[in-house]
Amino acid sequence: MTSWESKAVLDSKKKLRTRLATLPYAEKLRLLEAMRERHRAISAAQPKSAVAPLK
């Protein structure tokens, strides 16, 4: 990754963080629930391991 690509990524992340910070609390909770649902779907689709994951 070139330095200008790194700068573009960092600038994009900063803009996203600023936008997320300005959202109402209820919208932040809605986004959190959507992330939890995606996590559940991804976890359910992965094969179960014989070894317990580290916590």
Protein backbone atom coordinates (compact mmCIF):
# COMPACT_ATOMS: atom_id res chain seq x y z
CA MET A 1 0.00 0.00 0.00
CA THR A 2 1.40 3.37 -0.96
CA SER A 3 1.51 6.32 1.40
CA TRP A 4 -1.30 8.13 -0.44
CA GLU A 5 -3.46 4.99 -0.20
CA SER A 6 -2.72 4.81 3.53
CA LYS A 7 -3.66 8.47 3.93
CA ALA A 8 -6.89 7.91 2.00
CA VAL A 9 -7.81 4.98 4.24
CA LEU A 10 -7.05 6.94 7.40
CA ASP A 11 -9.03 9.96 6.14
CA SER A 12 -11.96 7.71 5.31
CA LYS A 13 -11.88 6.13 8.76
CA LYS A 14 -11.81 9.56 10.41
CA LYS A 15 -14.84 10.70 8.39
CA LEU A 16 -16.73 7.53 9.30
CA ARG A 17 -15.93 7.92 13.00
CA THR A 18 -17.09 11.54 12.91
CA ARG A 19 -20.33 10.57 11.16
CA LEU A 20 -20.99 7.74 13.60
CA ALA A 21 -20.33 10.02 16.57
CA THR A 22 -23.06 12.40 15.42
CA LEU A 23 -25.73 9.70 15.10
CA PRO A 24 -28.55 9.59 17.64
CA TYR A 25 -28.23 6.97 20.35
CA ALA A 26 -31.16 4.92 18.96
CA GLU A 27 -29.47 4.70 15.55
CA LYS A 28 -26.23 3.52 17.18
CA LEU A 29 -28.18 0.76 18.92
CA ARG A 30 -29.81 -0.24 15.62
CA LEU A 31 -26.37 -0.50 14.00
CA LEU A 32 -25.09 -2.56 16.93
CA GLU A 33 -28.00 -5.00 16.60
CA ALA A 34 -27.34 -5.32 12.86
CA MET A 35 -23.68 -6.17 13.59
CA ARG A 36 -24.77 -8.78 16.14
CA GLU A 37 -27.09 -10.39 13.58
CA ARG A 38 -24.28 -10.54 11.00
CA HIS A 39 -21.98 -12.07 13.62
CA ARG A 40 -24.58 -14.74 14.43
CA ALA A 41 -25.06 -15.55 10.73
CA ILE A 42 -21.31 -15.82 10.12
CA SER A 43 -20.78 -17.92 13.25
CA ALA A 44 -23.58 -20.28 12.28
CA ALA A 45 -22.10 -20.75 8.79
CA GLN A 46 -18.63 -21.71 10.04
CA PRO A 47 -17.84 -25.37 10.71
CA LYS A 48 -17.58 -26.26 14.38
CA SER A 49 -14.08 -26.93 15.65
CA ALA A 50 -13.18 -29.87 17.89
CA VAL A 51 -11.05 -27.48 19.95
CA ALA A 52 -12.73 -24.79 22.02
CA PRO A 53 -11.74 -21.27 20.97
CA LEU A 54 -9.64 -19.16 23.29
CA LYS A 55 -11.45 -16.37 25.11
